[in-house]
Amino acid sequence: MTYRRRLSQDTVRRRPAEVDLRPYQAAKSLLTGEDRRERLRFAQEHLNWNNADLGKVMFSVESRFCLYSDDRRRRVYRRSGERYRQACIV
């Protein structure tokens, strides 16, 4: 059965909220075993660095700035407490 009824954008935006769905930024995948081993290896290799070694490293603070309304982050509709549910992870 096909319905041919026009829906307003407000109706489409309102419907998820009526069933307790909210837009959230999609969670990223958790670290894999390989990722953990690689991070541990890196930490162990640099464990004994002194101030002279660290002085050769450039540290930076990265901030995200959005010049347009679309920040291109993936969003998912989910209920509170479902952040790490497989369907909500990218």
Protein backbone atom coordinates (compact mmCIF):
# COMPACT_ATOMS: atom_id res chain seq x y z
CA MET A 1 0.00 0.00 0.00
CA THR A 2 1.43 3.39 -1.00
CA TYR A 3 0.43 6.67 0.57
CA ARG A 4 0.83 9.84 -1.44
CA ARG A 5 0.71 12.48 1.24
CA ARG A 6 3.08 15.41 1.57
CA LEU A 7 4.80 15.78 4.92
CA SER A 8 6.23 18.99 6.25
CA GLN A 9 9.84 19.13 7.42
CA ASP A 10 8.60 19.98 10.91
CA THR A 11 6.59 16.75 11.03
CA VAL A 12 9.58 14.70 9.90
CA ARG A 13 11.80 16.33 12.55
CA ARG A 14 9.21 15.95 15.30
CA ARG A 15 8.39 12.24 14.82
CA PRO A 16 11.65 10.75 16.20
CA ALA A 17 11.28 12.83 19.38
CA GLU A 18 7.80 11.40 19.90
CA VAL A 19 9.34 7.92 20.27
CA ASP A 20 12.25 9.20 22.41
CA LEU A 21 14.89 9.24 19.64
CA ARG A 22 17.38 12.10 19.65
CA PRO A 23 20.15 13.02 17.18
CA TYR A 24 23.65 12.34 18.51
CA GLN A 25 27.08 12.34 16.97
CA ALA A 26 27.85 8.73 16.05
CA ALA A 27 30.30 6.99 18.39
CA LYS A 28 33.58 5.83 16.91
CA SER A 29 34.63 2.21 17.04
CA LEU A 30 36.42 1.14 20.20
CA LEU A 31 40.09 0.21 20.04
CA THR A 32 40.87 -3.21 18.63
CA GLY A 33 43.40 -5.55 20.20
CA GLU A 34 45.91 -4.55 17.51
CA ASP A 35 45.39 -0.84 18.30
CA ARG A 36 46.05 -1.49 21.99
CA ARG A 37 49.21 -3.48 21.29
CA GLU A 38 50.50 -0.72 18.99
CA ARG A 39 49.86 1.99 21.60
CA LEU A 40 51.54 -0.09 24.30
CA ARG A 41 54.57 -0.67 22.04
CA PHE A 42 54.85 3.08 21.35
CA ALA A 43 54.59 3.92 25.06
CA GLN A 44 57.24 1.36 25.99
CA GLU A 45 59.63 2.65 23.29
CA HIS A 46 59.33 6.21 24.63
CA LEU A 47 59.16 5.40 28.34
CA ASN A 48 62.73 6.52 29.10
CA TRP A 49 62.72 9.77 27.16
CA ASN A 50 64.23 12.70 29.05
CA ASN A 51 63.53 16.44 28.80
CA ALA A 52 66.03 16.85 25.94
CA ASP A 53 64.20 14.19 23.90
CA LEU A 54 60.80 15.69 24.68
CA GLY A 55 62.14 19.15 23.75
CA LYS A 56 62.43 17.95 20.14
CA VAL A 57 58.74 17.09 19.93
CA MET A 58 56.17 19.62 18.81
CA PHE A 59 52.87 19.39 20.68
CA SER A 60 49.75 21.03 19.35
CA VAL A 61 46.22 21.57 20.52
CA GLU A 62 43.74 20.95 17.75
CA SER A 63 40.40 22.69 17.81
CA ARG A 64 37.57 22.15 15.41
CA PHE A 65 36.02 25.24 13.84
CA CYS A 66 32.93 25.08 11.68
CA LEU A 67 32.50 27.87 9.14
CA TYR A 68 29.20 26.51 7.83
CA SER A 69 26.15 25.06 9.52
CA ASP A 70 26.95 21.55 8.20
CA ASP A 71 29.89 20.23 10.24
CA ARG A 72 29.89 16.93 8.23
CA ARG A 73 29.85 14.81 11.36
CA ARG A 74 27.80 11.68 11.07
CA ARG A 75 24.74 11.68 13.26
CA VAL A 76 22.54 8.84 14.38
CA TYR A 77 19.14 8.84 16.02
CA ARG A 78 19.22 6.79 19.20
CA ARG A 79 17.80 6.63 22.68
CA SER A 80 19.75 7.66 25.76
CA GLY A 81 22.06 4.84 26.87
CA GLU A 82 22.47 3.29 23.40
CA ARG A 83 25.75 5.01 22.51
CA TYR A 84 27.77 1.82 22.02
CA ARG A 85 25.01 -0.25 20.48
CA GLN A 86 26.44 -1.73 17.27
CA ALA A 87 23.90 0.03 15.03
CA CYS A 88 24.98 3.44 16.44
CA ILE A 89 28.74 3.06 15.85
CA VAL A 90 30.59 4.17 12.71
